[in-house]
Amino acid sequence: MVKTLLLSAVLLAGLQSSLAAQTLPGSGAFYVQACHSLAANDASTSNDLILPSFYCALEIDDLQGVGRILPADSRFCKPADVTLPQMAGVAAAYLDAHADRQSESFMTLAGTAFHEKWPCS
């Protein structure tokens, strides 16, 4: 009985540590490599990044649709000639520069990156 309880405790501790080490969906860390891949905008995207790159594109597209109507401290006004891969590059560079914040929401981090890059005047 004691052996079973001890083994269960060890397994549970191991499970908790492996869950904590996983990247949270929706976090900056979840998207950073995918956005780098999207920013590269070439055919060399590895198979494991194709779907995440698509998600990065969807999130950025959602943000660009509301960028001009966000509150003033978050609003961004990107030039019309800026492409989605260029926006992904801005987001990825921001995530790289703020690695300590990658556990935060990608939408928040990307929005901040766009606000800093293209503030509305």
PDB file of N, CA and C in Angstrom:
ATOM      1  N   MET A   1       0.828  -1.197   0.000  1.00  0.00           N
ATOM      2  CA  MET A   1       0.000   0.000   0.000  1.00  0.00           C
ATOM      3  C   MET A   1       0.868   1.254   0.000  1.00  0.00           C
ATOM      4  N   VAL A   2       1.878   1.281   0.854  1.00  0.00           N
ATOM      5  CA  VAL A   2       2.772   2.438   0.923  1.00  0.00           C
ATOM      6  C   VAL A   2       3.531   2.583  -0.392  1.00  0.00           C
ATOM      7  N   LYS A   3       3.963   1.436  -0.964  1.00  0.00           N
ATOM      8  CA  LYS A   3       4.671   1.489  -2.247  1.00  0.00           C
ATOM      9  C   LYS A   3       3.774   2.062  -3.340  1.00  0.00           C
ATOM     10  N   THR A   4       2.516   1.673  -3.341  1.00  0.00           N
ATOM     11  CA  THR A   4       1.574   2.150  -4.342  1.00  0.00           C
ATOM     12  C   THR A   4       1.362   3.653  -4.199  1.00  0.00           C
ATOM     13  N   LEU A   5       1.188   4.127  -2.965  1.00  0.00           N
ATOM     14  CA  LEU A   5       1.005   5.558  -2.737  1.00  0.00           C
ATOM     15  C   LEU A   5       2.250   6.346  -3.142  1.00  0.00           C
ATOM     16  N   LEU A   6       3.419   5.822  -2.800  1.00  0.00           N
ATOM     17  CA  LEU A   6       4.665   6.487  -3.144  1.00  0.00           C
ATOM     18  C   LEU A   6       4.841   6.545  -4.662  1.00  0.00           C
ATOM     19  N   LEU A   7       4.571   5.442  -5.339  1.00  0.00           N
ATOM     20  CA  LEU A   7       4.677   5.403  -6.794  1.00  0.00           C
ATOM     21  C   LEU A   7       3.683   6.373  -7.433  1.00  0.00           C
ATOM     22  N   SER A   8       2.472   6.420  -6.909  1.00  0.00           N
ATOM     23  CA  SER A   8       1.457   7.348  -7.431  1.00  0.00           C
ATOM     24  C   SER A   8       1.902   8.794  -7.258  1.00  0.00           C
ATOM     25  N   ALA A   9       2.476   9.103  -6.107  1.00  0.00           N
ATOM     26  CA  ALA A   9       2.944  10.464  -5.854  1.00  0.00           C
ATOM     27  C   ALA A   9       4.070  10.848  -6.807  1.00  0.00           C
ATOM     28  N   VAL A  10       4.993   9.938  -7.058  1.00  0.00           N
ATOM     29  CA  VAL A  10       6.103  10.202  -7.974  1.00  0.00           C
ATOM     30  C   VAL A  10       5.577  10.402  -9.396  1.00  0.00           C
ATOM     31  N   LEU A  11       4.656   9.556  -9.839  1.00  0.00           N
ATOM     32  CA  LEU A  11       4.091   9.687 -11.178  1.00  0.00           C
ATOM     33  C   LEU A  11       3.303  10.987 -11.331  1.00  0.00           C
ATOM     34  N   LEU A  12       2.546  11.341 -10.314  1.00  0.00           N
ATOM     35  CA  LEU A  12       1.769  12.573 -10.361  1.00  0.00           C
ATOM     36  C   LEU A  12       2.687  13.789 -10.422  1.00  0.00           C
ATOM     37  N   ALA A  13       3.756  13.785  -9.651  1.00  0.00           N
ATOM     38  CA  ALA A  13       4.721  14.894  -9.675  1.00  0.00           C
ATOM     39  C   ALA A  13       5.358  15.000 -11.060  1.00  0.00           C
ATOM     40  N   GLY A  14       5.695  13.886 -11.662  1.00  0.00           N
ATOM     41  CA  GLY A  14       6.274  13.893 -13.006  1.00  0.00           C
ATOM     42  C   GLY A  14       5.293  14.408 -14.042  1.00  0.00           C
ATOM     43  N   LEU A  15       4.028  14.021 -13.920  1.00  0.00           N
ATOM     44  CA  LEU A  15       2.995  14.481 -14.841  1.00  0.00           C
ATOM     45  C   LEU A  15       2.807  15.985 -14.719  1.00  0.00           C
ATOM     46  N   GLN A  16       2.769  16.494 -13.498  1.00  0.00           N
ATOM     47  CA  GLN A  16       2.584  17.929 -13.303  1.00  0.00           C
ATOM     48  C   GLN A  16       3.743  18.719 -13.888  1.00  0.00           C
ATOM     49  N   SER A  17       4.974  18.235 -13.711  1.00  0.00           N
ATOM     50  CA  SER A  17       6.114  18.981 -14.242  1.00  0.00           C
ATOM     51  C   SER A  17       6.121  18.951 -15.766  1.00  0.00           C
ATOM     52  N   SER A  18       5.695  17.836 -16.380  1.00  0.00           N
ATOM     53  CA  SER A  18       5.667  17.802 -17.840  1.00  0.00           C
ATOM     54  C   SER A  18       4.550  18.682 -18.383  1.00  0.00           C
ATOM     55  N   LEU A  19       3.430  18.784 -17.678  1.00  0.00           N
ATOM     56  CA  LEU A  19       2.360  19.670 -18.110  1.00  0.00           C
ATOM     57  C   LEU A  19       2.782  21.126 -17.997  1.00  0.00           C
ATOM     58  N   ALA A  20       3.505  21.467 -16.952  1.00  0.00           N
ATOM     59  CA  ALA A  20       3.950  22.842 -16.772  1.00  0.00           C
ATOM     60  C   ALA A  20       4.946  23.243 -17.847  1.00  0.00           C
ATOM     61  N   ALA A  21       5.702  22.292 -18.356  1.00  0.00           N
ATOM     62  CA  ALA A  21       6.725  22.595 -19.356  1.00  0.00           C
ATOM     63  C   ALA A  21       6.137  22.760 -20.755  1.00  0.00           C
ATOM     64  N   GLN A  22       4.895  22.350 -20.964  1.00  0.00           N
ATOM     65  CA  GLN A  22       4.290  22.455 -22.281  1.00  0.00           C
ATOM     66  C   GLN A  22       3.940  23.910 -22.601  1.00  0.00           C
ATOM     67  N   THR A  23       3.976  24.240 -23.863  1.00  0.00           N
ATOM     68  CA  THR A  23       3.622  25.575 -24.322  1.00  0.00           C
ATOM     69  C   THR A  23       2.106  25.698 -24.369  1.00  0.00           C
ATOM     70  N   LEU A  24       1.597  26.770 -23.815  1.00  0.00           N
ATOM     71  CA  LEU A  24       0.157  26.976 -23.793  1.00  0.00           C
ATOM     72  C   LEU A  24      -0.353  27.451 -25.149  1.00  0.00           C
ATOM     73  N   PRO A  25      -1.402  26.821 -25.667  1.00  0.00           N
ATOM     74  CA  PRO A  25      -1.995  27.312 -26.919  1.00  0.00           C
ATOM     75  C   PRO A  25      -2.455  28.758 -26.731  1.00  0.00           C
ATOM     76  N   GLY A  26      -2.214  29.565 -27.730  1.00  0.00           N
ATOM     77  CA  GLY A  26      -2.600  30.968 -27.656  1.00  0.00           C
ATOM     78  C   GLY A  26      -1.525  31.872 -27.075  1.00  0.00           C
ATOM     79  N   SER A  27      -0.468  31.285 -26.537  1.00  0.00           N
ATOM     80  CA  SER A  27       0.604  32.097 -25.956  1.00  0.00           C
ATOM     81  C   SER A  27       1.583  32.528 -27.037  1.00  0.00           C
ATOM     82  N   GLY A  28       2.397  33.502 -26.709  1.00  0.00           N
ATOM     83  CA  GLY A  28       3.434  33.937 -27.633  1.00  0.00           C
ATOM     84  C   GLY A  28       4.374  32.811 -27.995  1.00  0.00           C
ATOM     85  N   ALA A  29       4.717  32.000 -27.011  1.00  0.00           N
ATOM     86  CA  ALA A  29       5.634  30.875 -27.253  1.00  0.00           C
ATOM     87  C   ALA A  29       5.039  29.873 -28.244  1.00  0.00           C
ATOM     88  N   PHE A  30       3.729  29.731 -28.216  1.00  0.00           N
ATOM     89  CA  PHE A  30       3.049  28.812 -29.123  1.00  0.00           C
ATOM     90  C   PHE A  30       3.190  29.261 -30.578  1.00  0.00           C
ATOM     91  N   TYR A  31       3.240  30.581 -30.797  1.00  0.00           N
ATOM     92  CA  TYR A  31       3.237  31.140 -32.146  1.00  0.00           C
ATOM     93  C   TYR A  31       4.592  31.586 -32.684  1.00  0.00           C
ATOM     94  N   VAL A  32       5.607  31.728 -31.848  1.00  0.00           N
ATOM     95  CA  VAL A  32       6.839  32.393 -32.285  1.00  0.00           C
ATOM     96  C   VAL A  32       7.475  31.722 -33.506  1.00  0.00           C
ATOM     97  N   GLN A  33       7.657  30.430 -33.496  1.00  0.00           N
ATOM     98  CA  GLN A  33       8.278  29.756 -34.648  1.00  0.00           C
ATOM     99  C   GLN A  33       7.372  29.797 -35.876  1.00  0.00           C
ATOM    100  N   ALA A  34       6.086  29.662 -35.649  1.00  0.00           N
ATOM    101  CA  ALA A  34       5.138  29.695 -36.767  1.00  0.00           C
ATOM    102  C   ALA A  34       5.141  31.066 -37.443  1.00  0.00           C
ATOM    103  N   CYS A  35       5.221  32.125 -36.664  1.00  0.00           N
ATOM    104  CA  CYS A  35       5.239  33.459 -37.251  1.00  0.00           C
ATOM    105  C   CYS A  35       6.557  33.727 -37.966  1.00  0.00           C
ATOM    106  N   HIS A  36       7.655  33.192 -37.442  1.00  0.00           N
ATOM    107  CA  HIS A  36       8.926  33.294 -38.170  1.00  0.00           C
ATOM    108  C   HIS A  36       8.801  32.599 -39.523  1.00  0.00           C
ATOM    109  N   SER A  37       8.178  31.445 -39.536  1.00  0.00           N
ATOM    110  CA  SER A  37       7.999  30.695 -40.769  1.00  0.00           C
ATOM    111  C   SER A  37       7.127  31.469 -41.752  1.00  0.00           C
ATOM    112  N   LEU A  38       6.041  32.038 -41.261  1.00  0.00           N
ATOM    113  CA  LEU A  38       5.152  32.831 -42.107  1.00  0.00           C
ATOM    114  C   LEU A  38       5.883  34.062 -42.643  1.00  0.00           C
ATOM    115  N   ALA A  39       6.703  34.689 -41.805  1.00  0.00           N
ATOM    116  CA  ALA A  39       7.447  35.880 -42.232  1.00  0.00           C
ATOM    117  C   ALA A  39       8.457  35.543 -43.322  1.00  0.00           C
ATOM    118  N   ALA A  40       9.024  34.334 -43.267  1.00  0.00           N
ATOM    119  CA  ALA A  40       9.989  33.920 -44.284  1.00  0.00           C
ATOM    120  C   ALA A  40       9.317  33.819 -45.649  1.00  0.00           C
ATOM    121  N   ASN A  41       8.017  33.484 -45.641  1.00  0.00           N
ATOM    122  CA  ASN A  41       7.187  33.487 -46.851  1.00  0.00           C
ATOM    123  C   ASN A  41       7.820  32.705 -48.007  1.00  0.00           C
ATOM    124  N   ASP A  42       8.286  31.500 -47.690  1.00  0.00           N
ATOM    125  CA  ASP A  42       8.841  30.653 -48.751  1.00  0.00           C
ATOM    126  C   ASP A  42       8.300  29.232 -48.619  1.00  0.00           C
ATOM    127  N   ALA A  43       8.647  28.409 -49.549  1.00  0.00           N
ATOM    128  CA  ALA A  43       8.101  27.055 -49.595  1.00  0.00           C
ATOM    129  C   ALA A  43       8.835  26.083 -48.680  1.00  0.00           C
ATOM    130  N   SER A  44       9.804  26.566 -47.914  1.00  0.00           N
ATOM    131  CA  SER A  44      10.590  25.645 -47.088  1.00  0.00           C
ATOM    132  C   SER A  44       9.993  25.400 -45.702  1.00  0.00           C
ATOM    133  N   THR A  45       8.759  25.815 -45.479  1.00  0.00           N
ATOM    134  CA  THR A  45       8.108  25.595 -44.184  1.00  0.00           C
ATOM    135  C   THR A  45       8.000  24.109 -43.901  1.00  0.00           C
ATOM    136  N   SER A  46       8.482  23.711 -42.725  1.00  0.00           N
ATOM    137  CA  SER A  46       8.402  22.292 -42.373  1.00  0.00           C
ATOM    138  C   SER A  46       6.942  21.906 -42.132  1.00  0.00           C
ATOM    139  N   ASN A  47       6.651  20.642 -42.326  1.00  0.00           N
ATOM    140  CA  ASN A  47       5.273  20.152 -42.188  1.00  0.00           C
ATOM    141  C   ASN A  47       4.679  20.457 -40.820  1.00  0.00           C
ATOM    142  N   ASP A  48       5.509  20.412 -39.770  1.00  0.00           N
ATOM    143  CA  ASP A  48       4.976  20.648 -38.433  1.00  0.00           C
ATOM    144  C   ASP A  48       4.682  22.135 -38.171  1.00  0.00           C
ATOM    145  N   LEU A  49       5.065  23.020 -39.085  1.00  0.00           N
ATOM    146  CA  LEU A  49       4.774  24.447 -38.911  1.00  0.00           C
ATOM    147  C   LEU A  49       3.704  24.969 -39.869  1.00  0.00           C
ATOM    148  N   ILE A  50       3.235  24.130 -40.774  1.00  0.00           N
ATOM    149  CA  ILE A  50       2.251  24.605 -41.759  1.00  0.00           C
ATOM    150  C   ILE A  50       0.959  25.055 -41.066  1.00  0.00           C
ATOM    151  N   LEU A  51       0.380  24.216 -40.244  1.00  0.00           N
ATOM    152  CA  LEU A  51      -0.869  24.579 -39.572  1.00  0.00           C
ATOM    153  C   LEU A  51      -0.650  25.710 -38.562  1.00  0.00           C
ATOM    154  N   PRO A  52       0.387  25.659 -37.714  1.00  0.00           N
ATOM    155  CA  PRO A  52       0.613  26.804 -36.818  1.00  0.00           C
ATOM    156  C   PRO A  52       0.851  28.115 -37.571  1.00  0.00           C
ATOM    157  N   SER A  53       1.514  28.073 -38.728  1.00  0.00           N
ATOM    158  CA  SER A  53       1.721  29.288 -39.520  1.00  0.00           C
ATOM    159  C   SER A  53       0.386  29.838 -40.010  1.00  0.00           C
ATOM    160  N   PHE A  54      -0.509  28.933 -40.369  1.00  0.00           N
ATOM    161  CA  PHE A  54      -1.852  29.335 -40.769  1.00  0.00           C
ATOM    162  C   PHE A  54      -2.569  30.015 -39.607  1.00  0.00           C
ATOM    163  N   TYR A  55      -2.433  29.456 -38.393  1.00  0.00           N
ATOM    164  CA  TYR A  55      -3.052  30.064 -37.212  1.00  0.00           C
ATOM    165  C   TYR A  55      -2.460  31.441 -36.934  1.00  0.00           C
ATOM    166  N   CYS A  56      -1.140  31.576 -37.106  1.00  0.00           N
ATOM    167  CA  CYS A  56      -0.496  32.880 -36.935  1.00  0.00           C
ATOM    168  C   CYS A  56      -1.118  33.876 -37.910  1.00  0.00           C
ATOM    169  N   ALA A  57      -1.293  33.461 -39.155  1.00  0.00           N
ATOM    170  CA  ALA A  57      -1.887  34.336 -40.168  1.00  0.00           C
ATOM    171  C   ALA A  57      -3.318  34.730 -39.790  1.00  0.00           C
ATOM    172  N   LEU A  58      -4.094  33.778 -39.289  1.00  0.00           N
ATOM    173  CA  LEU A  58      -5.473  34.081 -38.888  1.00  0.00           C
ATOM    174  C   LEU A  58      -5.519  35.091 -37.751  1.00  0.00           C
ATOM    175  N   GLU A  59      -4.661  34.898 -36.751  1.00  0.00           N
ATOM    176  CA  GLU A  59      -4.636  35.801 -35.599  1.00  0.00           C
ATOM    177  C   GLU A  59      -4.239  37.208 -36.039  1.00  0.00           C
ATOM    178  N   ILE A  60      -3.216  37.305 -36.896  1.00  0.00           N
ATOM    179  CA  ILE A  60      -2.769  38.612 -37.378  1.00  0.00           C
ATOM    180  C   ILE A  60      -3.850  39.259 -38.233  1.00  0.00           C
ATOM    181  N   ASP A  61      -4.508  38.478 -39.064  1.00  0.00           N
ATOM    182  CA  ASP A  61      -5.587  39.015 -39.888  1.00  0.00           C
ATOM    183  C   ASP A  61      -6.712  39.557 -39.011  1.00  0.00           C
ATOM    184  N   ASP A  62      -7.042  38.839 -37.949  1.00  0.00           N
ATOM    185  CA  ASP A  62      -8.058  39.330 -37.011  1.00  0.00           C
ATOM    186  C   ASP A  62      -7.625  40.655 -36.392  1.00  0.00           C
ATOM    187  N   LEU A  63      -6.366  40.730 -35.976  1.00  0.00           N
ATOM    188  CA  LEU A  63      -5.869  41.957 -35.357  1.00  0.00           C
ATOM    189  C   LEU A  63      -5.874  43.126 -36.336  1.00  0.00           C
ATOM    190  N   GLN A  64      -5.455  42.884 -37.570  1.00  0.00           N
ATOM    191  CA  GLN A  64      -5.406  44.005 -38.509  1.00  0.00           C
ATOM    192  C   GLN A  64      -6.800  44.522 -38.826  1.00  0.00           C
ATOM    193  N   GLY A  65      -7.789  43.674 -38.680  1.00  0.00           N
ATOM    194  CA  GLY A  65      -9.166  44.114 -38.913  1.00  0.00           C
ATOM    195  C   GLY A  65      -9.702  45.048 -37.849  1.00  0.00           C
ATOM    196  N   VAL A  66      -9.141  44.996 -36.652  1.00  0.00           N
ATOM    197  CA  VAL A  66      -9.624  45.846 -35.561  1.00  0.00           C
ATOM    198  C   VAL A  66      -8.592  46.866 -35.102  1.00  0.00           C
ATOM    199  N   GLY A  67      -7.428  46.882 -35.723  1.00  0.00           N
ATOM    200  CA  GLY A  67      -6.331  47.738 -35.274  1.00  0.00           C
ATOM    201  C   GLY A  67      -6.683  49.204 -35.119  1.00  0.00           C
ATOM    202  N   ARG A  68      -7.495  49.729 -36.024  1.00  0.00           N
ATOM    203  CA  ARG A  68      -7.839  51.157 -35.995  1.00  0.00           C
ATOM    204  C   ARG A  68      -8.960  51.491 -35.009  1.00  0.00           C
ATOM    205  N   ILE A  69      -9.653  50.481 -34.485  1.00  0.00           N
ATOM    206  CA  ILE A  69     -10.759  50.759 -33.565  1.00  0.00           C
ATOM    207  C   ILE A  69     -10.468  50.340 -32.137  1.00  0.00           C
ATOM    208  N   LEU A  70      -9.251  49.901 -31.883  1.00  0.00           N
ATOM    209  CA  LEU A  70      -8.856  49.542 -30.519  1.00  0.00           C
ATOM    210  C   LEU A  70      -8.755  50.799 -29.657  1.00  0.00           C
ATOM    211  N   PRO A  71      -8.726  50.649 -28.340  1.00  0.00           N
ATOM    212  CA  PRO A  71      -8.505  51.830 -27.479  1.00  0.00           C
ATOM    213  C   PRO A  71      -7.196  52.528 -27.871  1.00  0.00           C
ATOM    214  N   ALA A  72      -7.113  53.816 -27.614  1.00  0.00           N
ATOM    215  CA  ALA A  72      -5.980  54.636 -28.060  1.00  0.00           C
ATOM    216  C   ALA A  72      -4.622  54.070 -27.644  1.00  0.00           C
ATOM    217  N   ASP A  73      -4.541  53.465 -26.466  1.00  0.00           N
ATOM    218  CA  ASP A  73      -3.248  52.952 -26.008  1.00  0.00           C
ATOM    219  C   ASP A  73      -2.871  51.625 -26.664  1.00  0.00           C
ATOM    220  N   SER A  74      -3.739  51.079 -27.502  1.00  0.00           N
ATOM    221  CA  SER A  74      -3.475  49.824 -28.209  1.00  0.00           C
ATOM    222  C   SER A  74      -3.631  49.951 -29.720  1.00  0.00           C
ATOM    223  N   ARG A  75      -4.221  51.025 -30.166  1.00  0.00           N
ATOM    224  CA  ARG A  75      -4.561  51.214 -31.574  1.00  0.00           C
ATOM    225  C   ARG A  75      -3.307  51.215 -32.451  1.00  0.00           C
ATOM    226  N   PHE A  76      -3.430  50.650 -33.629  1.00  0.00           N
ATOM    227  CA  PHE A  76      -2.336  50.726 -34.599  1.00  0.00           C
ATOM    228  C   PHE A  76      -2.910  50.965 -35.984  1.00  0.00           C
ATOM    229  N   CYS A  77      -2.112  51.638 -36.800  1.00  0.00           N
ATOM    230  CA  CYS A  77      -2.528  52.015 -38.151  1.00  0.00           C
ATOM    231  C   CYS A  77      -1.419  51.628 -39.120  1.00  0.00           C
ATOM    232  N   LYS A  78      -1.413  50.389 -39.517  1.00  0.00           N
ATOM    233  CA  LYS A  78      -0.364  49.932 -40.431  1.00  0.00           C
ATOM    234  C   LYS A  78      -0.611  50.481 -41.822  1.00  0.00           C
ATOM    235  N   PRO A  79       0.460  50.790 -42.546  1.00  0.00           N
ATOM    236  CA  PRO A  79       0.284  51.250 -43.924  1.00  0.00           C
ATOM    237  C   PRO A  79      -0.381  50.170 -44.787  1.00  0.00           C
ATOM    238  N   ALA A  80      -1.105  50.587 -45.785  1.00  0.00           N
ATOM    239  CA  ALA A  80      -1.853  49.660 -46.639  1.00  0.00           C
ATOM    240  C   ALA A  80      -0.956  48.692 -47.395  1.00  0.00           C
ATOM    241  N   ASP A  81       0.290  49.087 -47.651  1.00  0.00           N
ATOM    242  CA  ASP A  81       1.173  48.225 -48.437  1.00  0.00           C
ATOM    243  C   ASP A  81       1.929  47.184 -47.599  1.00  0.00           C
ATOM    244  N   VAL A  82       1.684  47.143 -46.295  1.00  0.00           N
ATOM    245  CA  VAL A  82       2.329  46.145 -45.434  1.00  0.00           C
ATOM    246  C   VAL A  82       1.598  44.817 -45.593  1.00  0.00           C
ATOM    247  N   THR A  83       2.348  43.763 -45.881  1.00  0.00           N
ATOM    248  CA  THR A  83       1.761  42.439 -46.123  1.00  0.00           C
ATOM    249  C   THR A  83       1.620  41.646 -44.827  1.00  0.00           C
ATOM    250  N   LEU A  84       0.839  40.603 -44.894  1.00  0.00           N
ATOM    251  CA  LEU A  84       0.667  39.714 -43.747  1.00  0.00           C
ATOM    252  C   LEU A  84       2.006  39.087 -43.318  1.00  0.00           C
ATOM    253  N   PRO A  85       2.836  38.590 -44.243  1.00  0.00           N
ATOM    254  CA  PRO A  85       4.143  38.073 -43.811  1.00  0.00           C
ATOM    255  C   PRO A  85       5.011  39.145 -43.141  1.00  0.00           C
ATOM    256  N   GLN A  86       4.921  40.387 -43.586  1.00  0.00           N
ATOM    257  CA  GLN A  86       5.672  41.458 -42.926  1.00  0.00           C
ATOM    258  C   GLN A  86       5.158  41.680 -41.501  1.00  0.00           C
ATOM    259  N   MET A  87       3.853  41.616 -41.337  1.00  0.00           N
ATOM    260  CA  MET A  87       3.282  41.750 -39.996  1.00  0.00           C
ATOM    261  C   MET A  87       3.722  40.590 -39.112  1.00  0.00           C
ATOM    262  N   ALA A  88       3.774  39.388 -39.684  1.00  0.00           N
ATOM    263  CA  ALA A  88       4.247  38.225 -38.923  1.00  0.00           C
ATOM    264  C   ALA A  88       5.691  38.435 -38.485  1.00  0.00           C
ATOM    265  N   GLY A  89       6.498  39.054 -39.346  1.00  0.00           N
ATOM    266  CA  GLY A  89       7.883  39.351 -38.992  1.00  0.00           C
ATOM    267  C   GLY A  89       7.980  40.324 -37.836  1.00  0.00           C
ATOM    268  N   VAL A  90       7.125  41.336 -37.827  1.00  0.00           N
ATOM    269  CA  VAL A  90       7.098  42.297 -36.719  1.00  0.00           C
ATOM    270  C   VAL A  90       6.700  41.588 -35.424  1.00  0.00           C
ATOM    271  N   ALA A  91       5.678  40.749 -35.499  1.00  0.00           N
ATOM    272  CA  ALA A  91       5.230  40.016 -34.310  1.00  0.00           C
ATOM    273  C   ALA A  91       6.330  39.072 -33.813  1.00  0.00           C
ATOM    274  N   ALA A  92       6.952  38.330 -34.726  1.00  0.00           N
ATOM    275  CA  ALA A  92       8.007  37.381 -34.332  1.00  0.00           C
ATOM    276  C   ALA A  92       9.197  38.106 -33.727  1.00  0.00           C
ATOM    277  N   ALA A  93       9.584  39.249 -34.304  1.00  0.00           N
ATOM    278  CA  ALA A  93      10.710  40.014 -33.756  1.00  0.00           C
ATOM    279  C   ALA A  93      10.384  40.522 -32.356  1.00  0.00           C
ATOM    280  N   TYR A  94       9.131  40.942 -32.141  1.00  0.00           N
ATOM    281  CA  TYR A  94       8.713  41.398 -30.815  1.00  0.00           C
ATOM    282  C   TYR A  94       8.767  40.245 -29.814  1.00  0.00           C
ATOM    283  N   LEU A  95       8.296  39.083 -30.231  1.00  0.00           N
ATOM    284  CA  LEU A  95       8.334  37.917 -29.345  1.00  0.00           C
ATOM    285  C   LEU A  95       9.775  37.539 -28.993  1.00  0.00           C
ATOM    286  N   ASP A  96      10.660  37.605 -29.976  1.00  0.00           N
ATOM    287  CA  ASP A  96      12.074  37.313 -29.714  1.00  0.00           C
ATOM    288  C   ASP A  96      12.663  38.309 -28.725  1.00  0.00           C
ATOM    289  N   ALA A  97      12.336  39.585 -28.911  1.00  0.00           N
ATOM    290  CA  ALA A  97      12.890  40.641 -28.057  1.00  0.00           C
ATOM    291  C   ALA A  97      12.299  40.623 -26.648  1.00  0.00           C
ATOM    292  N   HIS A  98      11.152  39.993 -26.493  1.00  0.00           N
ATOM    293  CA  HIS A  98      10.470  39.947 -25.190  1.00  0.00           C
ATOM    294  C   HIS A  98      10.198  38.490 -24.796  1.00  0.00           C
ATOM    295  N   ALA A  99      11.233  37.689 -24.844  1.00  0.00           N
ATOM    296  CA  ALA A  99      11.089  36.251 -24.549  1.00  0.00           C
ATOM    297  C   ALA A  99      10.510  36.001 -23.158  1.00  0.00           C
ATOM    298  N   ASP A 100      10.739  36.908 -22.243  1.00  0.00           N
ATOM    299  CA  ASP A 100      10.211  36.754 -20.883  1.00  0.00           C
ATOM    300  C   ASP A 100       8.694  36.909 -20.821  1.00  0.00           C
ATOM    301  N   ARG A 101       8.089  37.406 -21.888  1.00  0.00           N
ATOM    302  CA  ARG A 101       6.640  37.608 -21.915  1.00  0.00           C
ATOM    303  C   ARG A 101       5.919  36.587 -22.793  1.00  0.00           C
ATOM    304  N   GLN A 102       6.642  35.592 -23.308  1.00  0.00           N
ATOM    305  CA  GLN A 102       6.039  34.669 -24.269  1.00  0.00           C
ATOM    306  C   GLN A 102       4.942  33.790 -23.684  1.00  0.00           C
ATOM    307  N   SER A 103       4.794  33.763 -22.392  1.00  0.00           N
ATOM    308  CA  SER A 103       3.686  32.993 -21.809  1.00  0.00           C
ATOM    309  C   SER A 103       2.370  33.779 -21.882  1.00  0.00           C
ATOM    310  N   GLU A 104       2.455  35.058 -22.230  1.00  0.00           N
ATOM    311  CA  GLU A 104       1.255  35.889 -22.350  1.00  0.00           C
ATOM    312  C   GLU A 104       0.536  35.604 -23.668  1.00  0.00           C
ATOM    313  N   SER A 105      -0.652  36.130 -23.795  1.00  0.00           N
ATOM    314  CA  SER A 105      -1.481  35.954 -24.985  1.00  0.00           C
ATOM    315  C   SER A 105      -0.774  36.490 -26.227  1.00  0.00           C
ATOM    316  N   PHE A 106      -0.761  35.675 -27.287  1.00  0.00           N
ATOM    317  CA  PHE A 106      -0.167  36.120 -28.541  1.00  0.00           C
ATOM    318  C   PHE A 106      -0.869  37.366 -29.068  1.00  0.00           C
ATOM    319  N   MET A 107      -2.182  37.410 -28.970  1.00  0.00           N
ATOM    320  CA  MET A 107      -2.937  38.556 -29.479  1.00  0.00           C
ATOM    321  C   MET A 107      -2.506  39.846 -28.773  1.00  0.00           C
ATOM    322  N   THR A 108      -2.307  39.776 -27.473  1.00  0.00           N
ATOM    323  CA  THR A 108      -1.855  40.944 -26.715  1.00  0.00           C
ATOM    324  C   THR A 108      -0.456  41.360 -27.151  1.00  0.00           C
ATOM    325  N   LEU A 109       0.438  40.380 -27.256  1.00  0.00           N
ATOM    326  CA  LEU A 109       1.824  40.674 -27.628  1.00  0.00           C
ATOM    327  C   LEU A 109       1.922  41.201 -29.055  1.00  0.00           C
ATOM    328  N   ALA A 110       1.224  40.570 -29.981  1.00  0.00           N
ATOM    329  CA  ALA A 110       1.254  41.025 -31.373  1.00  0.00           C
ATOM    330  C   ALA A 110       0.624  42.410 -31.496  1.00  0.00           C
ATOM    331  N   GLY A 111      -0.472  42.629 -30.795  1.00  0.00           N
ATOM    332  CA  GLY A 111      -1.104  43.951 -30.808  1.00  0.00           C
ATOM    333  C   GLY A 111      -0.173  45.029 -30.291  1.00  0.00           C
ATOM    334  N   THR A 112       0.569  44.710 -29.242  1.00  0.00           N
ATOM    335  CA  THR A 112       1.556  45.659 -28.701  1.00  0.00           C
ATOM    336  C   THR A 112       2.661  45.920 -29.724  1.00  0.00           C
ATOM    337  N   ALA A 113       3.120  44.852 -30.379  1.00  0.00           N
ATOM    338  CA  ALA A 113       4.158  45.009 -31.404  1.00  0.00           C
ATOM    339  C   ALA A 113       3.680  45.916 -32.532  1.00  0.00           C
ATOM    340  N   PHE A 114       2.461  45.720 -32.973  1.00  0.00           N
ATOM    341  CA  PHE A 114       1.922  46.522 -34.067  1.00  0.00           C
ATOM    342  C   PHE A 114       1.700  47.973 -33.627  1.00  0.00           C
ATOM    343  N   HIS A 115       1.254  48.157 -32.393  1.00  0.00           N
ATOM    344  CA  HIS A 115       1.058  49.503 -31.852  1.00  0.00           C
ATOM    345  C   HIS A 115       2.390  50.253 -31.793  1.00  0.00           C
ATOM    346  N   GLU A 116       3.442  49.555 -31.377  1.00  0.00           N
ATOM    347  CA  GLU A 116       4.756  50.197 -31.304  1.00  0.00           C
ATOM    348  C   GLU A 116       5.315  50.486 -32.703  1.00  0.00           C
ATOM    349  N   LYS A 117       5.072  49.602 -33.650  1.00  0.00           N
ATOM    350  CA  LYS A 117       5.592  49.754 -35.006  1.00  0.00           C
ATOM    351  C   LYS A 117       4.797  50.787 -35.818  1.00  0.00           C
ATOM    352  N   TRP A 118       3.475  50.745 -35.695  1.00  0.00           N
ATOM    353  CA  TRP A 118       2.605  51.603 -36.494  1.00  0.00           C
ATOM    354  C   TRP A 118       1.562  52.332 -35.621  1.00  0.00           C
ATOM    355  N   PRO A 119       2.003  53.214 -34.744  1.00  0.00           N
ATOM    356  CA  PRO A 119       1.004  53.921 -33.932  1.00  0.00           C
ATOM    357  C   PRO A 119       0.160  54.857 -34.803  1.00  0.00           C
ATOM    358  N   CYS A 120      -1.062  55.082 -34.410  1.00  0.00           N
ATOM    359  CA  CYS A 120      -1.921  56.014 -35.143  1.00  0.00           C
ATOM    360  C   CYS A 120      -1.579  57.442 -34.694  1.00  0.00           C
ATOM    361  N   SER A 121      -1.554  58.355 -35.648  1.00  0.00           N
ATOM    362  CA  SER A 121      -1.219  59.746 -35.278  1.00  0.00           C
ATOM    363  C   SER A 121      -2.440  60.571 -35.015  1.00  0.00           C
TER     364      SER A 121
END
